[in-house]
Protein backbone atom coordinates (compact mmCIF):
# COMPACT_ATOMS: atom_id res chain seq x y z
CA MET A 1 33.34 -61.31 9.84
CA ALA A 2 30.50 -58.76 9.25
CA GLN A 3 28.08 -61.92 9.70
CA SER A 4 29.72 -62.74 12.92
CA LEU A 5 29.59 -59.50 14.17
CA ALA A 6 25.79 -58.97 13.17
CA ARG A 7 25.10 -62.25 15.07
CA MET A 8 26.83 -61.16 18.15
CA ARG A 9 24.86 -58.07 18.23
CA ARG A 10 21.58 -59.76 18.05
CA ASP A 11 22.69 -62.43 20.50
CA THR A 12 23.62 -59.55 22.58
CA ALA A 13 20.41 -57.77 22.53
CA ALA A 14 18.36 -60.98 22.91
CA ARG A 15 20.25 -61.64 25.94
CA ASP A 16 19.78 -58.09 27.36
CA ILE A 17 15.99 -57.85 26.77
CA GLY A 18 15.37 -61.45 27.81
CA ALA A 19 17.33 -60.80 31.05
CA THR A 20 15.20 -57.51 32.04
CA THR A 21 12.98 -57.77 34.71
CA VAL A 22 9.71 -55.98 35.02
CA THR A 23 7.76 -55.80 38.29
CA ARG A 24 4.07 -56.26 38.30
CA TRP A 25 3.57 -52.92 39.81
CA VAL A 26 5.44 -51.06 36.90
CA SER A 27 3.59 -53.57 34.20
CA ALA A 28 0.19 -52.42 35.90
CA SER A 29 1.16 -48.78 36.30
CA LEU A 30 2.26 -48.53 32.46
CA ILE A 31 -0.80 -50.44 31.22
CA GLY A 32 -3.03 -48.18 33.47
CA ALA A 33 -1.24 -45.03 32.18
CA PHE A 34 -1.89 -46.18 28.43
CA CYS A 35 -5.51 -47.09 29.13
CA LEU A 36 -6.12 -43.88 30.87
CA THR A 37 -4.51 -41.80 28.17
CA MET A 38 -6.73 -43.62 25.56
CA LEU A 39 -9.68 -43.05 27.43
CA THR A 40 -9.07 -39.47 28.26
CA ALA A 41 -9.51 -38.26 24.69
CA GLY A 42 -12.92 -39.72 24.48
CA VAL A 43 -14.11 -38.75 27.69
CA VAL A 44 -12.91 -34.95 27.00
CA GLN A 45 -14.58 -35.15 23.44
CA HIS A 46 -17.91 -36.15 25.00
CA VAL A 47 -17.86 -33.59 27.86
CA ALA A 48 -17.03 -30.90 25.28
CA GLU A 49 -19.63 -31.62 22.68
CA LEU A 50 -22.47 -32.49 25.21
CA GLY A 51 -21.83 -29.38 27.17
CA SER A 52 -21.74 -26.86 24.23
CA GLY A 53 -25.46 -26.75 24.48
CA ALA A 54 -28.03 -28.09 22.32
CA GLU A 55 -28.63 -24.89 20.50
CA ASP A 56 -24.97 -24.82 19.29
CA ARG A 57 -24.72 -28.74 18.25
CA THR A 58 -26.03 -29.84 14.81
CA ARG A 59 -25.82 -33.55 15.71
CA ALA A 60 -27.70 -35.44 18.31
CA TRP A 61 -24.67 -37.51 19.61
CA PRO A 62 -20.95 -36.52 19.93
CA GLN A 63 -19.02 -37.04 16.83
CA PRO A 64 -17.34 -40.41 17.58
CA TYR A 65 -20.65 -42.23 17.46
CA ASP A 66 -20.42 -41.40 13.72
CA VAL A 67 -18.23 -44.75 13.43
CA PHE A 68 -21.72 -46.50 13.62
CA HIS A 69 -22.72 -45.02 10.57
CA LEU A 70 -20.05 -47.44 8.90
CA PHE A 71 -21.79 -50.40 10.01
CA PRO A 72 -24.56 -51.92 7.55
CA SER A 73 -28.31 -51.40 8.65
CA ARG A 74 -30.63 -54.14 9.42
CA ASP A 75 -32.26 -54.07 5.95
CA GLU A 76 -28.61 -54.32 4.53
CA VAL A 77 -27.90 -57.50 6.63
CA ALA A 78 -31.13 -59.11 5.62
CA ALA A 79 -30.38 -58.69 2.17
CA VAL A 80 -26.94 -60.86 2.16
CA ARG A 81 -27.33 -63.86 0.02
CA SER A 82 -23.57 -64.67 -0.61
CA PRO A 83 -20.10 -64.29 1.17
CA LEU A 84 -19.55 -61.73 -1.84
CA ASP A 85 -22.56 -59.76 -0.48
CA VAL A 86 -20.98 -59.87 3.08
CA LEU A 87 -17.75 -58.37 1.79
CA ARG A 88 -19.79 -55.34 0.21
CA LEU A 89 -20.93 -54.37 3.49
CA ALA A 90 -17.44 -53.64 4.87
CA PRO A 91 -16.82 -50.09 4.87
CA SER A 92 -14.52 -48.98 2.36
CA LEU A 93 -11.20 -47.38 2.93
CA GLN A 94 -12.45 -43.92 1.67
CA GLN A 95 -15.22 -44.25 4.57
CA ILE A 96 -12.94 -45.30 7.18
CA THR A 97 -10.30 -42.55 6.20
CA GLU A 98 -13.16 -39.79 6.05
CA PHE A 99 -14.31 -40.63 9.48
CA GLU A 100 -11.01 -40.55 11.04
CA ASP A 101 -10.43 -36.96 9.26
CA ALA A 102 -13.68 -35.82 10.68
CA LEU A 103 -12.89 -37.17 14.29
CA GLU A 104 -9.39 -35.43 13.98
CA ASP A 105 -11.17 -32.22 12.72
CA ALA A 106 -13.56 -32.51 15.75
CA SER A 107 -10.96 -33.24 18.50
CA ALA A 108 -11.58 -30.95 21.38
CA LEU A 109 -7.73 -31.92 22.81
CA ASP A 110 -6.34 -30.80 19.47
CA GLY A 111 -8.35 -27.58 19.39
CA ALA A 112 -6.90 -26.90 23.14
CA ILE A 113 -3.44 -28.05 22.65
CA LEU A 114 -2.09 -27.54 19.24
CA PRO A 115 -2.33 -23.72 18.87
CA ARG A 116 -0.48 -23.41 22.19
CA ALA A 117 2.14 -26.03 21.26
CA GLN A 118 2.55 -24.17 17.78
CA TYR A 119 2.61 -20.78 19.53
CA VAL A 120 5.86 -22.20 21.67
CA LEU A 121 7.31 -23.87 18.73
CA SER A 122 6.96 -20.70 16.51
CA ARG A 123 8.02 -18.06 19.00
CA TYR A 124 11.07 -19.91 20.24
CA LEU A 125 12.15 -22.25 17.59
CA GLY A 126 10.95 -20.54 14.42
CA LEU A 127 9.19 -23.43 13.14
CA GLY A 128 6.00 -23.36 11.20
CA ASN A 129 3.99 -26.55 10.38
CA GLU A 130 3.15 -28.91 7.69
CA GLN A 131 1.36 -26.14 5.52
CA ALA A 132 3.12 -22.89 6.73
CA TYR A 133 7.01 -21.89 7.09
CA LEU A 134 8.36 -19.17 8.86
CA GLY A 135 10.65 -17.19 7.09
CA ARG A 136 12.97 -14.11 7.83
CA ASP A 137 11.52 -10.79 9.11
CA GLY A 138 8.22 -12.19 9.63
CA GLU A 139 7.58 -13.54 6.07
CA LEU A 140 5.43 -16.49 6.12
CA TYR A 141 5.61 -19.15 3.27
CA TYR A 142 3.13 -21.54 1.74
CA ARG A 143 4.49 -25.17 1.61
CA PRO A 144 3.26 -25.83 -1.93
CA ASP A 145 4.87 -22.48 -3.17
CA VAL A 146 8.29 -23.55 -1.44
CA ASP A 147 7.91 -27.30 -3.04
CA TYR A 148 7.60 -25.63 -6.55
CA ALA A 149 10.76 -23.57 -6.28
CA ILE A 150 12.85 -26.37 -4.67
CA GLY A 151 11.38 -29.39 -6.04
CA ARG A 152 12.26 -31.57 -8.93
CA GLY A 153 11.18 -30.21 -12.38
CA PHE A 154 7.38 -30.27 -12.87
CA LEU A 155 8.13 -31.92 -16.54
CA ASP A 156 10.72 -34.58 -15.35
CA ALA A 157 9.46 -37.88 -16.01
CA ALA A 158 10.12 -39.07 -12.46
CA HIS A 159 7.83 -36.38 -11.17
CA LEU A 160 5.22 -36.76 -13.57
CA ALA A 161 5.26 -40.44 -12.76
CA SER A 162 5.07 -39.88 -8.79
CA ARG A 163 2.10 -37.68 -9.40
CA THR A 164 -0.04 -39.96 -11.15
CA ALA A 165 0.84 -42.94 -8.75
CA GLY A 166 0.28 -41.18 -5.66
CA GLY A 167 -3.11 -40.05 -3.77
CA PRO A 168 -5.82 -42.39 -2.27
CA SER A 169 -6.90 -45.04 -4.43
CA TRP A 170 -10.65 -43.52 -4.67
CA GLU A 171 -9.59 -40.52 -6.20
CA ASP A 172 -9.09 -39.81 -9.89
CA VAL A 173 -5.36 -39.87 -10.94
CA PRO A 174 -4.37 -36.33 -11.42
CA SER A 175 -3.15 -35.11 -14.81
CA ALA A 176 0.28 -33.71 -13.72
CA ASP A 177 1.67 -32.46 -17.54
CA PRO A 178 0.09 -28.94 -17.99
CA LEU A 179 1.31 -28.74 -21.67
CA PRO A 180 -1.64 -30.82 -22.97
CA ALA A 181 -4.49 -28.93 -21.13
CA ILE A 182 -2.98 -25.33 -22.51
CA ARG A 183 -2.61 -26.85 -25.90
CA SER A 184 -6.16 -27.98 -25.96
CA LEU A 185 -7.29 -24.88 -24.70
CA GLN A 186 -5.36 -23.03 -27.38
CA ALA A 187 -6.81 -24.94 -30.17
CA ALA A 188 -10.37 -24.69 -28.91
CA LEU A 189 -10.01 -20.87 -28.76
CA ALA A 190 -8.12 -20.82 -32.03
CA ALA A 191 -11.09 -22.56 -33.68
CA ARG A 192 -13.31 -19.39 -32.65
CA GLY A 193 -10.85 -16.91 -33.59
CA ILE A 194 -10.07 -16.14 -29.95
CA SER A 195 -6.54 -15.35 -28.97
CA LEU A 196 -5.21 -17.02 -25.90
CA VAL A 197 -2.66 -15.26 -23.40
CA VAL A 198 -1.23 -17.50 -20.74
CA ALA A 199 -0.26 -15.57 -17.37
CA PRO A 200 1.60 -17.67 -14.81
CA VAL A 201 2.19 -15.50 -11.97
CA PRO A 202 5.31 -16.41 -9.67
CA VAL A 203 4.74 -17.59 -6.26
CA LYS A 204 6.62 -15.81 -3.07
CA PRO A 205 9.66 -18.25 -3.02
CA VAL A 206 10.46 -17.72 -6.46
CA VAL A 207 10.73 -13.76 -6.23
CA GLN A 208 11.56 -13.47 -2.53
CA PRO A 209 13.57 -16.77 -1.66
CA GLN A 210 16.16 -14.80 0.66
CA GLY A 211 13.32 -14.91 3.36
CA LEU A 212 13.78 -18.65 3.58
CA ALA A 213 16.38 -20.24 5.83
CA LEU A 214 17.26 -22.43 2.92
CA ALA A 215 18.15 -19.43 0.69
CA ASP A 216 21.97 -18.19 0.41
CA GLY A 217 20.97 -14.85 1.07
CA SER A 218 20.93 -14.04 -2.86
CA SER A 219 18.13 -12.24 -4.72
CA ALA A 220 18.31 -14.49 -7.61
CA VAL A 221 15.09 -15.82 -9.22
CA ALA A 222 14.20 -19.29 -8.02
CA HIS A 223 11.98 -20.52 -10.58
CA ASN A 224 11.56 -24.47 -10.59
CA PRO A 225 14.13 -26.13 -13.03
CA SER A 226 11.35 -27.01 -15.55
CA TYR A 227 10.06 -23.58 -16.06
CA GLU A 228 12.30 -22.55 -18.78
CA GLY A 229 11.49 -25.39 -20.78
CA PHE A 230 7.97 -24.82 -20.10
CA MET A 231 8.04 -21.32 -21.58
CA ALA A 232 10.08 -22.75 -24.44
CA ALA A 233 7.42 -25.33 -25.25
CA LEU A 234 4.54 -22.84 -25.31
CA ALA A 235 6.59 -20.40 -27.62
CA ALA A 236 7.18 -23.19 -30.01
CA ASP A 237 3.65 -23.82 -29.97
CA GLY A 238 2.74 -20.46 -30.96
CA ILE A 239 1.23 -19.55 -27.44
CA ARG A 240 1.41 -16.12 -26.42
CA VAL A 241 2.67 -15.97 -22.56
CA PHE A 242 2.71 -13.00 -20.32
CA ASP A 243 5.39 -13.61 -17.75
CA ALA A 244 5.15 -11.35 -15.00
CA THR A 245 8.42 -12.56 -13.25
CA PRO A 246 10.78 -9.75 -14.31
CA LEU A 247 8.06 -7.22 -13.40
CA LEU A 248 7.54 -8.56 -9.98
CA THR A 249 11.28 -9.12 -9.19
CA ALA A 250 11.72 -5.08 -9.86
CA THR A 251 8.95 -4.20 -7.67
CA ASP A 252 9.48 -3.23 -3.76
CA ASP A 253 7.54 -5.40 -1.60
CA PRO A 254 5.84 -7.75 -4.22
CA TYR A 255 4.06 -10.11 -1.90
CA LEU A 256 2.00 -9.68 1.35
CA ARG A 257 4.33 -10.76 4.15
CA THR A 258 1.60 -13.06 5.79
CA ASP A 259 -0.13 -14.19 2.73
CA THR A 260 0.58 -16.12 -0.24
CA HIS A 261 -0.52 -13.49 -2.72
CA TRP A 262 0.78 -10.10 -4.18
CA THR A 263 0.34 -6.92 -2.56
CA PRO A 264 -2.22 -4.51 -4.64
CA ARG A 265 0.52 -2.27 -5.81
CA ALA A 266 2.31 -5.32 -7.39
CA MET A 267 -1.09 -6.39 -8.66
CA ALA A 268 -2.09 -3.20 -10.34
CA ARG A 269 1.25 -2.84 -12.01
CA THR A 270 0.93 -6.41 -13.33
CA ALA A 271 -2.53 -5.61 -14.87
CA GLN A 272 -1.21 -2.40 -16.48
CA ALA A 273 1.68 -4.37 -18.35
CA LEU A 274 -0.74 -7.14 -19.08
CA ALA A 275 -3.38 -4.43 -20.74
CA ALA A 276 -0.17 -3.13 -22.75
CA PHE A 277 0.89 -6.71 -23.80
CA ILE A 278 -2.79 -7.54 -24.80
CA HIS A 279 -2.80 -4.26 -26.96
CA ASP A 280 0.57 -4.31 -28.51
CA GLU A 281 1.44 -8.25 -29.02
CA VAL A 282 -1.86 -9.61 -29.44
CA GLY A 283 -3.15 -6.57 -31.20
CA LEU A 284 -6.40 -5.81 -29.56
CA ALA A 285 -7.73 -2.70 -31.21
CA ALA A 286 -8.16 0.27 -28.61
CA ARG A 287 -11.55 1.69 -28.02
CA ASP A 288 -13.13 4.64 -26.41
CA SER A 289 -12.42 4.76 -22.68
CA ALA A 290 -15.42 3.35 -20.46
CA GLY A 291 -14.47 6.16 -18.05
CA TYR A 292 -13.67 3.97 -15.09
CA GLY A 293 -12.27 5.24 -11.82
CA ARG A 294 -10.25 4.21 -8.95
CA GLY A 295 -10.74 5.08 -5.31
CA SER A 296 -8.44 4.45 -2.34
CA GLU A 297 -8.99 2.36 0.93
CA GLU A 298 -6.65 1.36 3.54
CA LEU A 299 -7.19 -1.83 5.56
CA THR A 300 -5.34 -4.00 8.02
CA SER A 301 -5.47 -7.70 8.00
CA THR A 302 -3.55 -11.00 8.00
CA GLY A 303 -3.02 -13.57 5.63
CA ASP A 304 -4.04 -16.98 4.76
CA VAL A 305 -0.57 -18.52 5.80
CA ALA A 306 -0.92 -17.05 9.18
CA ALA A 307 -4.26 -18.51 9.53
CA MET A 308 -2.74 -21.87 8.47
CA LEU A 309 -0.21 -21.70 11.40
CA LYS A 310 -3.34 -22.19 13.74
CA LEU A 311 -1.97 -20.08 16.44
CA PRO A 312 -4.08 -19.43 19.78
CA ALA A 313 -6.85 -16.48 19.25
CA GLY A 314 -5.27 -13.23 20.15
CA SER A 315 -1.66 -14.26 19.83
CA ASP A 316 0.83 -11.41 19.03
CA LEU A 317 3.45 -13.61 17.02
CA ILE A 318 1.61 -12.54 13.76
CA VAL A 319 1.76 -8.57 13.23
CA PRO A 320 -1.29 -7.45 10.99
CA GLU A 321 -0.09 -5.67 7.78
CA ARG A 322 -1.56 -2.60 6.51
CA VAL A 323 -2.38 -2.25 2.38
CA GLU A 324 -3.93 0.23 0.33
CA ILE A 325 -6.43 -1.33 -2.40
CA ARG A 326 -7.73 0.63 -5.36
CA PRO A 327 -11.49 -0.15 -5.78
CA VAL A 328 -12.63 0.20 -9.75
CA THR A 329 -15.75 2.09 -10.14
CA THR A 330 -17.87 2.61 -13.43
CA SER A 331 -18.36 6.02 -14.99
CA THR A 332 -21.46 6.51 -12.74
CA GLY A 333 -19.69 5.73 -9.49
CA ALA A 334 -21.12 2.25 -9.32
CA ALA A 335 -19.20 -0.79 -8.06
CA TRP A 336 -16.97 -2.51 -11.00
CA THR A 337 -18.80 -5.98 -12.07
CA ALA A 338 -17.64 -8.60 -14.71
CA ASP A 339 -19.42 -8.01 -18.05
CA ARG A 340 -20.25 -10.94 -20.23
CA ALA A 341 -20.41 -8.95 -23.44
CA ALA A 342 -16.80 -7.98 -22.74
CA ARG A 343 -14.20 -8.48 -25.35
CA VAL A 344 -11.76 -10.03 -22.68
CA LEU A 345 -12.24 -13.07 -20.78
CA LEU A 346 -10.17 -13.41 -17.60
CA LEU A 347 -9.74 -17.05 -16.43
CA GLY A 348 -7.97 -16.85 -12.87
CA ASP A 349 -7.53 -18.22 -9.35
CA SER A 350 -7.00 -16.39 -5.77
CA PHE A 351 -4.62 -14.30 -7.40
CA THR A 352 -7.44 -12.65 -9.50
CA ASN A 353 -9.77 -12.94 -6.35
CA ILE A 354 -7.51 -11.69 -3.66
CA TYR A 355 -8.85 -8.17 -3.50
CA SER A 356 -12.29 -9.03 -4.92
CA LEU A 357 -14.00 -11.28 -2.41
CA GLY A 358 -14.31 -9.60 0.90
CA ALA A 359 -14.03 -12.90 2.80
CA MET A 360 -10.53 -13.21 2.08
CA GLY A 361 -9.72 -10.42 4.19
CA TRP A 362 -8.49 -8.08 1.88
CA GLY A 363 -11.32 -6.05 0.60
CA GLU A 364 -13.62 -6.00 -2.26
CA GLY A 365 -14.01 -4.41 -5.92
CA ALA A 366 -10.06 -4.03 -6.44
CA GLY A 367 -8.93 -7.59 -7.69
CA PHE A 368 -7.11 -8.28 -10.86
CA ALA A 369 -9.82 -8.16 -13.23
CA GLU A 370 -10.90 -4.93 -11.79
CA GLN A 371 -7.52 -3.51 -12.32
CA LEU A 372 -7.00 -5.16 -15.90
CA SER A 373 -10.48 -3.61 -16.76
CA TYR A 374 -8.98 0.02 -15.57
CA ALA A 375 -6.11 -0.51 -17.43
CA LEU A 376 -7.75 -1.64 -20.66
CA HIS A 377 -10.12 1.17 -20.32
CA GLU A 378 -13.05 -1.39 -21.17
CA PRO A 379 -14.98 -4.15 -19.71
CA VAL A 380 -13.94 -7.41 -18.64
CA ASP A 381 -15.50 -10.91 -18.06
CA ARG A 382 -14.38 -13.03 -15.35
CA ILE A 383 -14.21 -16.64 -14.17
CA ALA A 384 -11.95 -17.09 -11.20
CA LEU A 385 -12.45 -19.52 -8.40
CA ASN A 386 -9.88 -19.83 -5.29
CA ALA A 387 -8.18 -23.04 -5.55
CA GLY A 388 -7.83 -25.52 -8.43
CA GLY A 389 -6.19 -22.95 -10.66
CA ALA A 390 -4.96 -25.80 -12.88
CA TYR A 391 -8.41 -26.80 -13.85
CA ALA A 392 -11.22 -25.11 -11.77
CA ALA A 393 -11.69 -22.02 -14.51
CA ARG A 394 -11.25 -24.05 -17.29
CA GLN A 395 -14.01 -26.49 -16.04
CA GLU A 396 -16.51 -23.69 -15.23
CA LEU A 397 -15.99 -22.62 -18.77
CA SER A 398 -16.42 -26.13 -20.12
CA GLN A 399 -19.74 -26.57 -17.99
CA ALA A 400 -21.20 -23.20 -19.19
CA LEU A 401 -20.63 -24.28 -22.65
CA ALA A 402 -22.14 -27.69 -22.25
CA ARG A 403 -25.36 -26.09 -20.68
CA GLY A 404 -25.58 -23.58 -23.59
CA ASP A 405 -24.29 -20.73 -21.61
CA ASP A 406 -21.80 -19.12 -24.35
CA ARG A 407 -19.34 -17.58 -22.18
CA LEU A 408 -17.07 -17.32 -25.36
CA ALA A 409 -19.46 -15.28 -27.39
CA GLY A 410 -17.87 -12.16 -28.58
CA LYS A 411 -14.65 -12.68 -27.14
CA GLU A 412 -11.44 -11.86 -28.74
CA VAL A 413 -8.83 -12.30 -25.85
CA VAL A 414 -9.01 -15.01 -23.08
CA VAL A 415 -6.46 -14.35 -20.62
CA TYR A 416 -5.72 -17.67 -18.43
CA GLN A 417 -3.86 -16.53 -14.89
CA PHE A 418 -2.63 -19.25 -12.55
CA ALA A 419 -0.25 -19.21 -9.82
CA VAL A 420 3.02 -21.15 -10.98
CA ARG A 421 2.79 -23.45 -7.82
CA GLU A 422 0.05 -25.17 -10.00
CA LEU A 423 2.55 -26.40 -12.55
CA HIS A 424 4.40 -28.40 -9.81
CA SER A 425 1.30 -29.66 -8.04
CA GLY A 426 -1.85 -29.06 -9.82
CA ASP A 427 -4.42 -31.33 -11.40
CA TRP A 428 -4.04 -30.20 -15.33
CA ARG A 429 -7.04 -32.02 -16.77
CA VAL A 430 -8.39 -31.61 -20.37
CA TYR A 431 -11.59 -30.19 -20.76
CA ASP A 432 -13.41 -30.02 -24.22
CA MET A 433 -14.65 -26.64 -25.00
CA PRO A 434 -17.78 -27.68 -27.06
CA SER A 435 -19.95 -25.33 -29.34
CA PRO A 436 -22.82 -24.41 -27.07
CA PRO A 437 -26.38 -25.96 -28.24
CA ALA A 438 -29.09 -23.68 -28.49
CA PRO A 439 -30.11 -22.17 -25.13
CA ALA A 440 -32.64 -24.37 -23.62
CA ALA A 441 -35.58 -23.27 -21.55
CA ARG A 442 -34.36 -22.91 -18.02
CA ALA A 443 -37.09 -23.48 -15.46
CA GLY A 444 -37.17 -20.89 -12.45
CA HIS A 445 -35.91 -17.32 -12.63
CA GLY A 446 -36.56 -16.14 -9.23
CA GLN A 447 -36.27 -17.64 -5.61
CA ALA A 448 -38.05 -20.77 -4.68
CA VAL A 449 -38.43 -23.03 -1.32
CA VAL A 450 -38.36 -26.63 -2.56
CA ARG A 451 -38.04 -30.16 -1.21
CA GLY A 452 -35.80 -32.80 -2.98
CA GLU A 453 -33.97 -35.99 -2.61
CA LEU A 454 -29.95 -35.88 -2.24
CA VAL A 455 -28.44 -38.34 -4.37
CA ALA A 456 -24.90 -37.13 -4.63
CA MET A 457 -22.70 -34.47 -2.86
CA SER A 458 -19.13 -33.06 -2.93
CA THR A 459 -17.34 -32.81 0.14
CA PRO A 460 -15.24 -29.78 1.59
CA PRO A 461 -11.37 -29.94 2.49
CA ARG A 462 -10.46 -30.65 6.01
CA PRO A 463 -10.36 -27.28 7.81
CA GLY A 464 -7.03 -25.69 7.90
CA THR A 465 -5.43 -27.89 5.37
CA VAL A 466 -6.03 -25.09 2.57
CA PRO A 467 -4.92 -21.55 2.29
CA TYR A 468 -8.88 -20.70 1.81
CA PRO A 469 -11.11 -20.72 4.76
CA ASP A 470 -14.40 -20.97 2.59
CA CYS A 471 -15.34 -23.49 0.31
CA VAL A 472 -18.50 -24.35 -1.64
CA ILE A 473 -19.86 -28.06 -2.32
CA ALA A 474 -22.50 -29.26 -4.61
CA PHE A 475 -25.51 -31.37 -4.47
CA HIS A 476 -27.29 -33.27 -6.87
CA MET A 477 -30.82 -33.26 -6.42
CA THR A 478 -33.87 -35.12 -7.99
CA ASP A 479 -37.40 -35.18 -7.27
CA ILE A 480 -37.43 -31.20 -6.67
CA GLU A 481 -40.96 -30.02 -5.66
CA ALA A 482 -41.71 -26.23 -5.27
CA GLU A 483 -43.48 -25.15 -1.88
CA ASN A 484 -43.45 -21.66 -3.04
CA GLY A 485 -42.08 -19.64 -5.78
CA GLY A 486 -41.80 -19.65 -9.49
CA PRO A 487 -41.44 -23.31 -11.41
CA VAL A 488 -38.37 -25.28 -10.77
CA PRO A 489 -36.79 -28.30 -12.58
CA GLY A 490 -37.34 -31.82 -11.18
CA GLU A 491 -33.49 -32.45 -11.16
CA ALA A 492 -30.66 -29.93 -10.59
CA VAL A 493 -27.25 -29.00 -9.37
CA VAL A 494 -27.36 -26.97 -6.04
CA PHE A 495 -24.16 -25.13 -4.79
CA ALA A 496 -24.21 -24.44 -0.92
CA TRP A 497 -21.73 -23.54 1.55
CA GLY A 498 -19.58 -26.46 2.75
CA MET A 499 -16.98 -24.72 4.79
CA ARG A 500 -16.99 -21.24 6.47
CA ASP A 501 -14.02 -19.65 8.41
CA ASN A 502 -12.40 -23.11 8.29
CA GLU A 503 -15.49 -24.76 10.06
CA TRP A 504 -17.59 -27.31 7.99
CA THR A 505 -21.18 -26.27 7.90
CA PRO A 506 -24.41 -28.07 8.53
CA ALA A 507 -24.61 -29.02 4.80
CA THR A 508 -21.70 -31.39 5.10
CA SER A 509 -23.97 -33.47 7.46
CA ALA A 510 -26.70 -34.32 4.80
CA THR A 511 -26.78 -37.81 3.63
CA VAL A 512 -27.31 -39.48 0.37
CA GLY A 513 -30.97 -40.13 0.26
CA ALA A 514 -32.26 -37.60 2.61
CA GLN A 515 -35.06 -35.24 1.94
CA LEU A 516 -33.68 -31.59 2.09
CA ARG A 517 -35.44 -28.65 2.16
CA LEU A 518 -33.79 -25.59 0.55
CA ARG A 519 -34.13 -21.76 -0.47
CA LEU A 520 -32.76 -21.78 -4.24
CA THR A 521 -31.48 -18.82 -6.16
CA PRO A 522 -30.81 -19.24 -10.08
CA TRP A 523 -27.00 -19.39 -10.47
CA ALA A 524 -26.79 -16.73 -12.86
CA ALA A 525 -28.06 -14.50 -10.27
CA ALA A 526 -25.97 -15.77 -7.47
CA GLU A 527 -22.76 -16.06 -9.30
CA GLU A 528 -21.47 -12.82 -8.90
CA GLN A 529 -21.28 -13.15 -5.21
CA TYR A 530 -20.36 -16.84 -4.59
CA GLY A 531 -18.77 -17.89 -8.05
CA GLY A 532 -15.24 -16.94 -7.02
CA TYR A 533 -14.85 -19.15 -4.03
CA SER A 534 -13.08 -22.36 -3.86
CA ARG A 535 -15.57 -25.30 -4.92
CA ARG A 536 -15.90 -29.03 -5.03
CA GLU A 537 -17.73 -30.09 -8.01
CA LEU A 538 -19.58 -33.44 -8.38
CA ASP A 539 -17.79 -36.11 -9.97
CA ASP A 540 -20.40 -37.04 -12.58
CA GLU A 541 -19.89 -34.78 -15.74
CA ASP A 542 -23.61 -35.64 -16.89
CA THR A 543 -24.74 -33.30 -14.11
CA TRP A 544 -22.91 -30.30 -15.99
CA LEU A 545 -26.09 -30.25 -18.29
CA LEU A 546 -28.21 -29.70 -15.60
CA ASP A 547 -29.84 -26.43 -13.84
CA VAL A 548 -27.74 -24.90 -11.38
CA TYR A 549 -28.89 -23.03 -8.51
CA TRP A 550 -27.32 -21.54 -5.15
CA GLY A 551 -28.87 -23.19 -2.32
CA GLU A 552 -29.47 -22.46 1.44
CA LEU A 553 -30.65 -25.23 3.81
CA ILE A 554 -33.63 -24.53 5.63
CA PRO A 555 -34.13 -26.84 9.07
């Protein structure tokens, strides 16, 4: 009977469709409308880019013509000797995907229509987008934070398998399990007599789930199902964990309304409690006070989640919020800076940087490292990078040790701070913490203008797809020759701005094999200013041993 009914439905559908009559005029109108729609996007893009003024353009032709870069050059075609050579000339899936992403990012129609459409959806329907969720009473939530709270346990076998199976084929398979990475760090530090304190920071949906429509109105903590097991596993391994969840739950307004991060007050309370934990539980002996002081500064801003909504400029939908930050100063009144000779090293992410990096919009000199230093009454060293809290700070430490820069010299305690969302979605790569070789002589201690060949580069994320509007990319440069300034190495890694204020910089248009002219500053002199920003590293780990510079492109 079921088969007869299914066959009957198919026969009816075929009969009705087959009997549908479409006049020639209707067919022509529909085809014409479709072609006009497809053509409009290209015409608008040409007009927008060609009409922007030559002084505003970083390319000779509108962006859609970059598609021709995917085709082989005349020399490559001439070198074809076999059918296999022809296949190698075809653009890769990665190249095609990157071109499509760039085309979408540069779309003038998207830039004109999407913000207005998002405003209507947010104001009248209460809808966010794929990155930002609208909660109650003006609270905004970041999707990966929500995924952590409501998703499958991050230690579940099914979740771990899906993480390693997902992602583009050209990207490295992520390491989804956080335990091996933390155990490896603990072992490396213990071998040098250094104590590790793991400090996972809960994200907003964990402590304030009542702001989400999916919550039942209770104020219960909403940690991921695997969090308790994760904490038990670390305790069983003898790894000390400072859990800020109870403290933040008991704090009024622990998170910024329009941002992913904590408020200055909640951060300062956490730093104070962590300092007590380091003294009481780890046993760091107290020393004479370094005489730090704290000021007070009020500022008004909107957060990173608000920016991800991509609302029209000047929209009144998001109300800026006012906060009081407490910048830390030394006994002489100078601004606080990280001290490499300190006994305590803080490895952190954007929760450490939120009130330290001015580009994040919430002031400077008042971040988590500063507040921890103030609470400990002594200097603190810091390696903290926005994004990649699961691996970025550990990678930076590993690279420094490999280059002979012993960031662990004199350390007694390493605090590893990361947002708990990383447990669910981060890449927990295991990094060696090698005993550093004898420091090598490094060429160049001042600025220099150089020319060199670009042999590899990293790429920034698509604008608007991450919570941070700024990103640093890396160049691998060879055949470097100085035009002026001090001596420079023939080969080096150069960090440069890849994205500013959610827009790609001209540096992203550089092509492998090109000769670049750069103004270089040794990384040791630039790290305090640029080291905290989200960064995309080179894939080749051999480059970790090279000299590192900050670079600015010179036309």
